[in-house]
Amino acid sequence: MAMARQVIFSNEVDLYLDELTILLFEKNYFSFPGDAKAYVDRMVKYMRTYIGILPDRPAPQYFSRYAPDLYYITYHANQNTLWYGFYQQSLNIFIVRHITNSHIAAQYFV
């Protein structure tokens, strides 16, 4: 029997996502905390759904500082922002080790 695919977010990434929700609201990207949370939740849901389904793309060497042998997935949140989720794979277990966006990381994908 095949093992089911699991997508797990590291403790560091979970903390980052919690902080991101607060930051998005405090920086007035969203008018209500619930809207900021929904934005982050949509990104998490997308990554949980498609990591291990879409083809793996090796991460640029720069991101090996977060973990060895990383792959990445992209999530288009809107016209201005592309999110990158970096993950490791072991069998059917995918561990998200880092998340960043195009405003910060675009230079490493040239």
PDB file of N, CA and C in Angstrom:
ATOM      1  N   MET A   1       0.846  -1.189   0.000  1.00  0.00           N
ATOM      2  CA  MET A   1       0.000   0.000   0.000  1.00  0.00           C
ATOM      3  C   MET A   1       0.883   1.242   0.000  1.00  0.00           C
ATOM      4  N   ALA A   2       0.623   2.166  -0.911  1.00  0.00           N
ATOM      5  CA  ALA A   2       1.423   3.372  -1.039  1.00  0.00           C
ATOM      6  C   ALA A   2       1.143   4.322   0.126  1.00  0.00           C
ATOM      7  N   MET A   3       2.211   4.970   0.569  1.00  0.00           N
ATOM      8  CA  MET A   3       2.092   5.940   1.649  1.00  0.00           C
ATOM      9  C   MET A   3       1.489   7.233   1.100  1.00  0.00           C
ATOM     10  N   ALA A   4       0.548   7.814   1.804  1.00  0.00           N
ATOM     11  CA  ALA A   4      -0.100   9.056   1.369  1.00  0.00           C
ATOM     12  C   ALA A   4       0.891  10.216   1.409  1.00  0.00           C
ATOM     13  N   ARG A   5       0.724  11.128   0.493  1.00  0.00           N
ATOM     14  CA  ARG A   5       1.562  12.332   0.437  1.00  0.00           C
ATOM     15  C   ARG A   5       1.227  13.235   1.622  1.00  0.00           C
ATOM     16  N   GLN A   6       2.270  13.724   2.292  1.00  0.00           N
ATOM     17  CA  GLN A   6       2.095  14.642   3.416  1.00  0.00           C
ATOM     18  C   GLN A   6       2.918  15.887   3.159  1.00  0.00           C
ATOM     19  N   VAL A   7       2.333  17.042   3.392  1.00  0.00           N
ATOM     20  CA  VAL A   7       3.047  18.315   3.316  1.00  0.00           C
ATOM     21  C   VAL A   7       3.048  18.908   4.715  1.00  0.00           C
ATOM     22  N   ILE A   8       4.238  19.113   5.245  1.00  0.00           N
ATOM     23  CA  ILE A   8       4.422  19.590   6.614  1.00  0.00           C
ATOM     24  C   ILE A   8       5.184  20.903   6.566  1.00  0.00           C
ATOM     25  N   PHE A   9       4.811  21.844   7.388  1.00  0.00           N
ATOM     26  CA  PHE A   9       5.524  23.123   7.490  1.00  0.00           C
ATOM     27  C   PHE A   9       6.392  23.075   8.745  1.00  0.00           C
ATOM     28  N   SER A  10       7.673  23.429   8.591  1.00  0.00           N
ATOM     29  CA  SER A  10       8.575  23.424   9.744  1.00  0.00           C
ATOM     30  C   SER A  10       8.082  24.423  10.783  1.00  0.00           C
ATOM     31  N   ASN A  11       8.559  24.284  12.007  1.00  0.00           N
ATOM     32  CA  ASN A  11       8.184  25.208  13.080  1.00  0.00           C
ATOM     33  C   ASN A  11       8.552  26.641  12.715  1.00  0.00           C
ATOM     34  N   GLU A  12       9.719  26.825  12.080  1.00  0.00           N
ATOM     35  CA  GLU A  12      10.165  28.158  11.685  1.00  0.00           C
ATOM     36  C   GLU A  12       9.203  28.772  10.666  1.00  0.00           C
ATOM     37  N   VAL A  13       8.753  27.965   9.726  1.00  0.00           N
ATOM     38  CA  VAL A  13       7.819  28.458   8.710  1.00  0.00           C
ATOM     39  C   VAL A  13       6.460  28.751   9.334  1.00  0.00           C
ATOM     40  N   ASP A  14       5.987  27.902  10.223  1.00  0.00           N
ATOM     41  CA  ASP A  14       4.723  28.177  10.918  1.00  0.00           C
ATOM     42  C   ASP A  14       4.780  29.515  11.647  1.00  0.00           C
ATOM     43  N   LEU A  15       5.893  29.765  12.342  1.00  0.00           N
ATOM     44  CA  LEU A  15       6.066  31.027  13.056  1.00  0.00           C
ATOM     45  C   LEU A  15       6.088  32.194  12.073  1.00  0.00           C
ATOM     46  N   TYR A  16       6.814  32.032  10.960  1.00  0.00           N
ATOM     47  CA  TYR A  16       6.871  33.078   9.943  1.00  0.00           C
ATOM     48  C   TYR A  16       5.475  33.404   9.407  1.00  0.00           C
ATOM     49  N   LEU A  17       4.684  32.396   9.140  1.00  0.00           N
ATOM     50  CA  LEU A  17       3.343  32.617   8.600  1.00  0.00           C
ATOM     51  C   LEU A  17       2.448  33.350   9.603  1.00  0.00           C
ATOM     52  N   ASP A  18       2.587  33.025  10.881  1.00  0.00           N
ATOM     53  CA  ASP A  18       1.839  33.749  11.915  1.00  0.00           C
ATOM     54  C   ASP A  18       2.260  35.224  11.944  1.00  0.00           C
ATOM     55  N   GLU A  19       3.577  35.453  11.879  1.00  0.00           N
ATOM     56  CA  GLU A  19       4.094  36.821  11.889  1.00  0.00           C
ATOM     57  C   GLU A  19       3.695  37.570  10.617  1.00  0.00           C
ATOM     58  N   LEU A  20       3.687  36.865   9.495  1.00  0.00           N
ATOM     59  CA  LEU A  20       3.305  37.475   8.222  1.00  0.00           C
ATOM     60  C   LEU A  20       1.857  37.966   8.279  1.00  0.00           C
ATOM     61  N   THR A  21       0.982  37.186   8.846  1.00  0.00           N
ATOM     62  CA  THR A  21      -0.422  37.574   8.970  1.00  0.00           C
ATOM     63  C   THR A  21      -0.546  38.892   9.729  1.00  0.00           C
ATOM     64  N   ILE A  22       0.170  39.003  10.824  1.00  0.00           N
ATOM     65  CA  ILE A  22       0.140  40.222  11.642  1.00  0.00           C
ATOM     66  C   ILE A  22       0.748  41.389  10.872  1.00  0.00           C
ATOM     67  N   LEU A  23       1.893  41.161  10.246  1.00  0.00           N
ATOM     68  CA  LEU A  23       2.595  42.213   9.501  1.00  0.00           C
ATOM     69  C   LEU A  23       1.748  42.758   8.353  1.00  0.00           C
ATOM     70  N   LEU A  24       1.087  41.874   7.616  1.00  0.00           N
ATOM     71  CA  LEU A  24       0.260  42.316   6.491  1.00  0.00           C
ATOM     72  C   LEU A  24      -0.855  43.246   6.955  1.00  0.00           C
ATOM     73  N   PHE A  25      -1.423  42.962   8.098  1.00  0.00           N
ATOM     74  CA  PHE A  25      -2.466  43.828   8.652  1.00  0.00           C
ATOM     75  C   PHE A  25      -1.860  45.129   9.174  1.00  0.00           C
ATOM     76  N   GLU A  26      -0.778  45.033   9.944  1.00  0.00           N
ATOM     77  CA  GLU A  26      -0.168  46.229  10.540  1.00  0.00           C
ATOM     78  C   GLU A  26       0.379  47.191   9.491  1.00  0.00           C
ATOM     79  N   LYS A  27       0.838  46.671   8.359  1.00  0.00           N
ATOM     80  CA  LYS A  27       1.379  47.514   7.280  1.00  0.00           C
ATOM     81  C   LYS A  27       0.275  47.984   6.316  1.00  0.00           C
ATOM     82  N   ASN A  28      -0.967  47.719   6.700  1.00  0.00           N
ATOM     83  CA  ASN A  28      -2.146  48.162   5.948  1.00  0.00           C
ATOM     84  C   ASN A  28      -2.271  47.556   4.551  1.00  0.00           C
ATOM     85  N   TYR A  29      -1.742  46.360   4.367  1.00  0.00           N
ATOM     86  CA  TYR A  29      -2.010  45.644   3.121  1.00  0.00           C
ATOM     87  C   TYR A  29      -3.457  45.133   3.134  1.00  0.00           C
ATOM     88  N   PHE A  30      -3.985  44.930   4.343  1.00  0.00           N
ATOM     89  CA  PHE A  30      -5.361  44.493   4.514  1.00  0.00           C
ATOM     90  C   PHE A  30      -6.003  45.330   5.602  1.00  0.00           C
ATOM     91  N   SER A  31      -7.294  45.604   5.454  1.00  0.00           N
ATOM     92  CA  SER A  31      -8.013  46.450   6.411  1.00  0.00           C
ATOM     93  C   SER A  31      -8.447  45.696   7.663  1.00  0.00           C
ATOM     94  N   PHE A  32      -8.551  44.374   7.529  1.00  0.00           N
ATOM     95  CA  PHE A  32      -9.024  43.567   8.652  1.00  0.00           C
ATOM     96  C   PHE A  32      -8.076  42.389   8.879  1.00  0.00           C
ATOM     97  N   PRO A  33      -7.826  42.033  10.143  1.00  0.00           N
ATOM     98  CA  PRO A  33      -6.951  40.893  10.425  1.00  0.00           C
ATOM     99  C   PRO A  33      -7.422  39.604   9.747  1.00  0.00           C
ATOM    100  N   GLY A  34      -8.723  39.408   9.673  1.00  0.00           N
ATOM    101  CA  GLY A  34      -9.261  38.197   9.049  1.00  0.00           C
ATOM    102  C   GLY A  34      -8.917  38.109   7.570  1.00  0.00           C
ATOM    103  N   ASP A  35      -8.828  39.254   6.889  1.00  0.00           N
ATOM    104  CA  ASP A  35      -8.461  39.262   5.477  1.00  0.00           C
ATOM    105  C   ASP A  35      -6.988  38.875   5.299  1.00  0.00           C
ATOM    106  N   ALA A  36      -6.136  39.363   6.189  1.00  0.00           N
ATOM    107  CA  ALA A  36      -4.716  39.000   6.137  1.00  0.00           C
ATOM    108  C   ALA A  36      -4.548  37.499   6.400  1.00  0.00           C
ATOM    109  N   LYS A  37      -5.297  36.992   7.358  1.00  0.00           N
ATOM    110  CA  LYS A  37      -5.226  35.554   7.657  1.00  0.00           C
ATOM    111  C   LYS A  37      -5.711  34.733   6.464  1.00  0.00           C
ATOM    112  N   ALA A  38      -6.786  35.160   5.817  1.00  0.00           N
ATOM    113  CA  ALA A  38      -7.317  34.442   4.650  1.00  0.00           C
ATOM    114  C   ALA A  38      -6.293  34.427   3.509  1.00  0.00           C
ATOM    115  N   TYR A  39      -5.574  35.532   3.319  1.00  0.00           N
ATOM    116  CA  TYR A  39      -4.535  35.621   2.298  1.00  0.00           C
ATOM    117  C   TYR A  39      -3.455  34.563   2.538  1.00  0.00           C
ATOM    118  N   VAL A  40      -2.968  34.503   3.772  1.00  0.00           N
ATOM    119  CA  VAL A  40      -1.936  33.526   4.136  1.00  0.00           C
ATOM    120  C   VAL A  40      -2.498  32.110   4.050  1.00  0.00           C
ATOM    121  N   ASP A  41      -3.714  31.917   4.504  1.00  0.00           N
ATOM    122  CA  ASP A  41      -4.337  30.586   4.450  1.00  0.00           C
ATOM    123  C   ASP A  41      -4.466  30.075   3.018  1.00  0.00           C
ATOM    124  N   ARG A  42      -4.787  30.967   2.072  1.00  0.00           N
ATOM    125  CA  ARG A  42      -4.887  30.551   0.659  1.00  0.00           C
ATOM    126  C   ARG A  42      -3.534  30.069   0.137  1.00  0.00           C
ATOM    127  N   MET A  43      -2.457  30.758   0.544  1.00  0.00           N
ATOM    128  CA  MET A  43      -1.122  30.346   0.128  1.00  0.00           C
ATOM    129  C   MET A  43      -0.780  28.971   0.717  1.00  0.00           C
ATOM    130  N   VAL A  44      -1.052  28.786   1.978  1.00  0.00           N
ATOM    131  CA  VAL A  44      -0.773  27.510   2.642  1.00  0.00           C
ATOM    132  C   VAL A  44      -1.582  26.389   1.989  1.00  0.00           C
ATOM    133  N   LYS A  45      -2.852  26.644   1.725  1.00  0.00           N
ATOM    134  CA  LYS A  45      -3.696  25.632   1.090  1.00  0.00           C
ATOM    135  C   LYS A  45      -3.161  25.265  -0.291  1.00  0.00           C
ATOM    136  N   TYR A  46      -2.740  26.244  -1.048  1.00  0.00           N
ATOM    137  CA  TYR A  46      -2.181  25.979  -2.375  1.00  0.00           C
ATOM    138  C   TYR A  46      -0.949  25.083  -2.265  1.00  0.00           C
ATOM    139  N   MET A  47      -0.048  25.428  -1.343  1.00  0.00           N
ATOM    140  CA  MET A  47       1.175  24.631  -1.181  1.00  0.00           C
ATOM    141  C   MET A  47       0.851  23.221  -0.705  1.00  0.00           C
ATOM    142  N   ARG A  48      -0.055  23.084   0.224  1.00  0.00           N
ATOM    143  CA  ARG A  48      -0.449  21.744   0.689  1.00  0.00           C
ATOM    144  C   ARG A  48      -1.052  20.920  -0.450  1.00  0.00           C
ATOM    145  N   THR A  49      -1.767  21.581  -1.335  1.00  0.00           N
ATOM    146  CA  THR A  49      -2.430  20.892  -2.438  1.00  0.00           C
ATOM    147  C   THR A  49      -1.457  20.486  -3.537  1.00  0.00           C
ATOM    148  N   TYR A  50      -0.509  21.353  -3.884  1.00  0.00           N
ATOM    149  CA  TYR A  50       0.288  21.139  -5.093  1.00  0.00           C
ATOM    150  C   TYR A  50       1.729  20.695  -4.887  1.00  0.00           C
ATOM    151  N   ILE A  51       2.300  20.834  -3.690  1.00  0.00           N
ATOM    152  CA  ILE A  51       3.649  20.304  -3.468  1.00  0.00           C
ATOM    153  C   ILE A  51       3.579  18.788  -3.603  1.00  0.00           C
ATOM    154  N   GLY A  52       4.457  18.255  -4.399  1.00  0.00           N
ATOM    155  CA  GLY A  52       4.462  16.814  -4.634  1.00  0.00           C
ATOM    156  C   GLY A  52       3.554  16.390  -5.776  1.00  0.00           C
ATOM    157  N   ILE A  53       2.779  17.318  -6.293  1.00  0.00           N
ATOM    158  CA  ILE A  53       1.908  17.055  -7.435  1.00  0.00           C
ATOM    159  C   ILE A  53       2.504  17.717  -8.682  1.00  0.00           C
ATOM    160  N   LEU A  54       2.824  19.009  -8.556  1.00  0.00           N
ATOM    161  CA  LEU A  54       3.491  19.714  -9.651  1.00  0.00           C
ATOM    162  C   LEU A  54       4.930  19.216  -9.751  1.00  0.00           C
ATOM    163  N   PRO A  55       5.556  19.354 -10.922  1.00  0.00           N
ATOM    164  CA  PRO A  55       6.956  18.909 -11.051  1.00  0.00           C
ATOM    165  C   PRO A  55       7.868  19.638 -10.062  1.00  0.00           C
ATOM    166  N   ASP A  56       8.819  18.900  -9.491  1.00  0.00           N
ATOM    167  CA  ASP A  56       9.790  19.498  -8.572  1.00  0.00           C
ATOM    168  C   ASP A  56      10.746  20.381  -9.357  1.00  0.00           C
ATOM    169  N   ARG A  57      11.014  21.563  -8.814  1.00  0.00           N
ATOM    170  CA  ARG A  57      11.986  22.472  -9.424  1.00  0.00           C
ATOM    171  C   ARG A  57      13.096  22.698  -8.415  1.00  0.00           C
ATOM    172  N   PRO A  58      14.338  22.343  -8.763  1.00  0.00           N
ATOM    173  CA  PRO A  58      15.449  22.548  -7.823  1.00  0.00           C
ATOM    174  C   PRO A  58      15.609  24.029  -7.481  1.00  0.00           C
ATOM    175  N   ALA A  59      15.796  24.311  -6.216  1.00  0.00           N
ATOM    176  CA  ALA A  59      15.969  25.687  -5.759  1.00  0.00           C
ATOM    177  C   ALA A  59      17.358  26.190  -6.127  1.00  0.00           C
ATOM    178  N   PRO A  60      17.479  27.483  -6.410  1.00  0.00           N
ATOM    179  CA  PRO A  60      18.809  28.060  -6.629  1.00  0.00           C
ATOM    180  C   PRO A  60      19.713  27.804  -5.414  1.00  0.00           C
ATOM    181  N   GLN A  61      20.996  27.709  -5.662  1.00  0.00           N
ATOM    182  CA  GLN A  61      21.977  27.380  -4.622  1.00  0.00           C
ATOM    183  C   GLN A  61      21.865  28.296  -3.402  1.00  0.00           C
ATOM    184  N   TYR A  62      21.545  29.540  -3.604  1.00  0.00           N
ATOM    185  CA  TYR A  62      21.432  30.501  -2.505  1.00  0.00           C
ATOM    186  C   TYR A  62      20.560  29.966  -1.367  1.00  0.00           C
ATOM    187  N   PHE A  63      19.509  29.249  -1.697  1.00  0.00           N
ATOM    188  CA  PHE A  63      18.536  28.827  -0.692  1.00  0.00           C
ATOM    189  C   PHE A  63      18.966  27.587   0.080  1.00  0.00           C
ATOM    190  N   SER A  64      20.108  27.013  -0.253  1.00  0.00           N
ATOM    191  CA  SER A  64      20.615  25.863   0.510  1.00  0.00           C
ATOM    192  C   SER A  64      20.978  26.271   1.933  1.00  0.00           C
ATOM    193  N   ARG A  65      21.028  27.555   2.216  1.00  0.00           N
ATOM    194  CA  ARG A  65      21.267  28.023   3.585  1.00  0.00           C
ATOM    195  C   ARG A  65      20.126  27.618   4.526  1.00  0.00           C
ATOM    196  N   TYR A  66      18.960  27.317   3.966  1.00  0.00           N
ATOM    197  CA  TYR A  66      17.809  26.928   4.781  1.00  0.00           C
ATOM    198  C   TYR A  66      17.715  25.425   4.984  1.00  0.00           C
ATOM    199  N   ALA A  67      18.255  24.677   4.050  1.00  0.00           N
ATOM    200  CA  ALA A  67      18.307  23.213   4.140  1.00  0.00           C
ATOM    201  C   ALA A  67      18.923  22.700   2.833  1.00  0.00           C
ATOM    202  N   PRO A  68      19.542  21.536   2.870  1.00  0.00           N
ATOM    203  CA  PRO A  68      20.106  20.980   1.634  1.00  0.00           C
ATOM    204  C   PRO A  68      19.011  20.391   0.732  1.00  0.00           C
ATOM    205  N   ASP A  69      19.342  20.295  -0.543  1.00  0.00           N
ATOM    206  CA  ASP A  69      18.485  19.605  -1.521  1.00  0.00           C
ATOM    207  C   ASP A  69      17.046  20.116  -1.541  1.00  0.00           C
ATOM    208  N   LEU A  70      16.911  21.429  -1.636  1.00  0.00           N
ATOM    209  CA  LEU A  70      15.577  22.022  -1.658  1.00  0.00           C
ATOM    210  C   LEU A  70      15.017  22.097  -3.071  1.00  0.00           C
ATOM    211  N   TYR A  71      13.713  22.019  -3.127  1.00  0.00           N
ATOM    212  CA  TYR A  71      12.940  22.291  -4.337  1.00  0.00           C
ATOM    213  C   TYR A  71      12.020  23.454  -4.001  1.00  0.00           C
ATOM    214  N   TYR A  72      11.388  24.012  -5.021  1.00  0.00           N
ATOM    215  CA  TYR A  72      10.463  25.105  -4.715  1.00  0.00           C
ATOM    216  C   TYR A  72       9.198  25.033  -5.555  1.00  0.00           C
ATOM    217  N   ILE A  73       8.181  25.688  -5.013  1.00  0.00           N
ATOM    218  CA  ILE A  73       6.895  25.855  -5.678  1.00  0.00           C
ATOM    219  C   ILE A  73       6.591  27.343  -5.645  1.00  0.00           C
ATOM    220  N   THR A  74       5.871  27.822  -6.649  1.00  0.00           N
ATOM    221  CA  THR A  74       5.479  29.225  -6.657  1.00  0.00           C
ATOM    222  C   THR A  74       3.970  29.346  -6.495  1.00  0.00           C
ATOM    223  N   TYR A  75       3.574  30.454  -5.872  1.00  0.00           N
ATOM    224  CA  TYR A  75       2.168  30.771  -5.683  1.00  0.00           C
ATOM    225  C   TYR A  75       1.961  32.232  -6.064  1.00  0.00           C
ATOM    226  N   HIS A  76       1.135  32.473  -7.066  1.00  0.00           N
ATOM    227  CA  HIS A  76       0.821  33.829  -7.515  1.00  0.00           C
ATOM    228  C   HIS A  76      -0.326  34.367  -6.663  1.00  0.00           C
ATOM    229  N   ALA A  77       0.022  35.209  -5.701  1.00  0.00           N
ATOM    230  CA  ALA A  77      -1.003  35.758  -4.819  1.00  0.00           C
ATOM    231  C   ALA A  77      -1.810  36.840  -5.530  1.00  0.00           C
ATOM    232  N   ASN A  78      -1.134  37.617  -6.371  1.00  0.00           N
ATOM    233  CA  ASN A  78      -1.774  38.690  -7.127  1.00  0.00           C
ATOM    234  C   ASN A  78      -0.807  39.132  -8.223  1.00  0.00           C
ATOM    235  N   GLN A  79      -1.134  40.206  -8.932  1.00  0.00           N
ATOM    236  CA  GLN A  79      -0.286  40.661 -10.038  1.00  0.00           C
ATOM    237  C   GLN A  79       1.092  41.102  -9.575  1.00  0.00           C
ATOM    238  N   ASN A  80       1.206  41.522  -8.326  1.00  0.00           N
ATOM    239  CA  ASN A  80       2.458  42.100  -7.834  1.00  0.00           C
ATOM    240  C   ASN A  80       3.325  41.146  -7.030  1.00  0.00           C
ATOM    241  N   THR A  81       2.762  40.078  -6.530  1.00  0.00           N
ATOM    242  CA  THR A  81       3.508  39.239  -5.586  1.00  0.00           C
ATOM    243  C   THR A  81       3.449  37.768  -5.963  1.00  0.00           C
ATOM    244  N   LEU A  82       4.635  37.199  -6.050  1.00  0.00           N
ATOM    245  CA  LEU A  82       4.816  35.767  -6.276  1.00  0.00           C
ATOM    246  C   LEU A  82       5.489  35.209  -5.029  1.00  0.00           C
ATOM    247  N   TRP A  83       4.898  34.195  -4.434  1.00  0.00           N
ATOM    248  CA  TRP A  83       5.476  33.559  -3.245  1.00  0.00           C
ATOM    249  C   TRP A  83       6.218  32.298  -3.652  1.00  0.00           C
ATOM    250  N   TYR A  84       7.314  32.028  -2.958  1.00  0.00           N
ATOM    251  CA  TYR A  84       8.116  30.828  -3.163  1.00  0.00           C
ATOM    252  C   TYR A  84       8.087  30.003  -1.892  1.00  0.00           C
ATOM    253  N   GLY A  85       7.755  28.739  -2.018  1.00  0.00           N
ATOM    254  CA  GLY A  85       7.821  27.808  -0.897  1.00  0.00           C
ATOM    255  C   GLY A  85       8.922  26.796  -1.183  1.00  0.00           C
ATOM    256  N   PHE A  86       9.909  26.720  -0.299  1.00  0.00           N
ATOM    257  CA  PHE A  86      11.054  25.829  -0.485  1.00  0.00           C
ATOM    258  C   PHE A  86      10.895  24.613   0.412  1.00  0.00           C
ATOM    259  N   TYR A  87      11.057  23.436  -0.174  1.00  0.00           N
ATOM    260  CA  TYR A  87      10.779  22.220   0.571  1.00  0.00           C
ATOM    261  C   TYR A  87      11.788  21.115   0.262  1.00  0.00           C
ATOM    262  N   GLN A  88      11.859  20.181   1.208  1.00  0.00           N
ATOM    263  CA  GLN A  88      12.639  18.953   1.051  1.00  0.00           C
ATOM    264  C   GLN A  88      11.649  17.809   0.915  1.00  0.00           C
ATOM    265  N   GLN A  89      12.116  16.765   0.238  1.00  0.00           N
ATOM    266  CA  GLN A  89      11.263  15.588   0.064  1.00  0.00           C
ATOM    267  C   GLN A  89      11.973  14.352   0.581  1.00  0.00           C
ATOM    268  N   SER A  90      11.239  13.529   1.301  1.00  0.00           N
ATOM    269  CA  SER A  90      11.707  12.218   1.714  1.00  0.00           C
ATOM    270  C   SER A  90      10.537  11.265   1.511  1.00  0.00           C
ATOM    271  N   LEU A  91      10.652  10.415   0.485  1.00  0.00           N
ATOM    272  CA  LEU A  91       9.545   9.558   0.078  1.00  0.00           C
ATOM    273  C   LEU A  91       8.335  10.434  -0.240  1.00  0.00           C
ATOM    274  N   ASN A  92       7.225  10.227   0.447  1.00  0.00           N
ATOM    275  CA  ASN A  92       6.021  11.033   0.197  1.00  0.00           C
ATOM    276  C   ASN A  92       5.794  12.099   1.264  1.00  0.00           C
ATOM    277  N   ILE A  93       6.861  12.464   1.965  1.00  0.00           N
ATOM    278  CA  ILE A  93       6.775  13.518   2.970  1.00  0.00           C
ATOM    279  C   ILE A  93       7.533  14.728   2.447  1.00  0.00           C
ATOM    280  N   PHE A  94       6.860  15.870   2.433  1.00  0.00           N
ATOM    281  CA  PHE A  94       7.419  17.118   1.937  1.00  0.00           C
ATOM    282  C   PHE A  94       7.429  18.108   3.093  1.00  0.00           C
ATOM    283  N   ILE A  95       8.605  18.623   3.422  1.00  0.00           N
ATOM    284  CA  ILE A  95       8.734  19.555   4.543  1.00  0.00           C
ATOM    285  C   ILE A  95       9.084  20.933   4.001  1.00  0.00           C
ATOM    286  N   VAL A  96       8.204  21.896   4.209  1.00  0.00           N
ATOM    287  CA  VAL A  96       8.441  23.270   3.772  1.00  0.00           C
ATOM    288  C   VAL A  96       9.394  23.899   4.787  1.00  0.00           C
ATOM    289  N   ARG A  97      10.560  24.341   4.286  1.00  0.00           N
ATOM    290  CA  ARG A  97      11.626  24.863   5.143  1.00  0.00           C
ATOM    291  C   ARG A  97      11.759  26.379   5.112  1.00  0.00           C
ATOM    292  N   HIS A  98      11.210  27.002   4.058  1.00  0.00           N
ATOM    293  CA  HIS A  98      11.353  28.455   3.937  1.00  0.00           C
ATOM    294  C   HIS A  98      10.293  28.968   2.977  1.00  0.00           C
ATOM    295  N   ILE A  99       9.787  30.161   3.260  1.00  0.00           N
ATOM    296  CA  ILE A  99       8.860  30.850   2.366  1.00  0.00           C
ATOM    297  C   ILE A  99       9.327  32.291   2.245  1.00  0.00           C
ATOM    298  N   THR A 100       9.317  32.784   1.015  1.00  0.00           N
ATOM    299  CA  THR A 100       9.639  34.183   0.773  1.00  0.00           C
ATOM    300  C   THR A 100       8.870  34.635  -0.452  1.00  0.00           C
ATOM    301  N   ASN A 101       9.007  35.913  -0.795  1.00  0.00           N
ATOM    302  CA  ASN A 101       8.277  36.394  -1.966  1.00  0.00           C
ATOM    303  C   ASN A 101       9.204  37.035  -2.992  1.00  0.00           C
ATOM    304  N   SER A 102       8.620  37.367  -4.125  1.00  0.00           N
ATOM    305  CA  SER A 102       9.389  37.904  -5.248  1.00  0.00           C
ATOM    306  C   SER A 102      10.019  39.256  -4.934  1.00  0.00           C
ATOM    307  N   HIS A 103       9.453  40.004  -4.024  1.00  0.00           N
ATOM    308  CA  HIS A 103      10.027  41.294  -3.669  1.00  0.00           C
ATOM    309  C   HIS A 103      11.375  41.129  -2.980  1.00  0.00           C
ATOM    310  N   ILE A 104      11.564  40.010  -2.334  1.00  0.00           N
ATOM    311  CA  ILE A 104      12.802  39.721  -1.601  1.00  0.00           C
ATOM    312  C   ILE A 104      13.732  38.809  -2.407  1.00  0.00           C
ATOM    313  N   ALA A 105      13.189  37.818  -3.066  1.00  0.00           N
ATOM    314  CA  ALA A 105      14.006  36.736  -3.635  1.00  0.00           C
ATOM    315  C   ALA A 105      14.182  36.773  -5.146  1.00  0.00           C
ATOM    316  N   ALA A 106      13.551  37.665  -5.861  1.00  0.00           N
ATOM    317  CA  ALA A 106      13.586  37.637  -7.322  1.00  0.00           C
ATOM    318  C   ALA A 106      15.007  37.626  -7.870  1.00  0.00           C
ATOM    319  N   GLN A 107      15.916  38.326  -7.218  1.00  0.00           N
ATOM    320  CA  GLN A 107      17.287  38.412  -7.703  1.00  0.00           C
ATOM    321  C   GLN A 107      17.995  37.054  -7.770  1.00  0.00           C
ATOM    322  N   TYR A 108      17.530  36.094  -6.997  1.00  0.00           N
ATOM    323  CA  TYR A 108      18.169  34.774  -6.976  1.00  0.00           C
ATOM    324  C   TYR A 108      17.625  33.824  -8.044  1.00  0.00           C
ATOM    325  N   PHE A 109      16.639  34.289  -8.791  1.00  0.00           N
ATOM    326  CA  PHE A 109      16.038  33.448  -9.829  1.00  0.00           C
ATOM    327  C   PHE A 109      16.357  33.958 -11.230  1.00  0.00           C
ATOM    328  N   VAL A 110      17.376  34.794 -11.350  1.00  0.00           N
ATOM    329  CA  VAL A 110      17.764  35.342 -12.658  1.00  0.00           C
ATOM    330  C   VAL A 110      18.494  34.314 -13.474  1.00  0.00           C
TER     331      VAL A 110
END
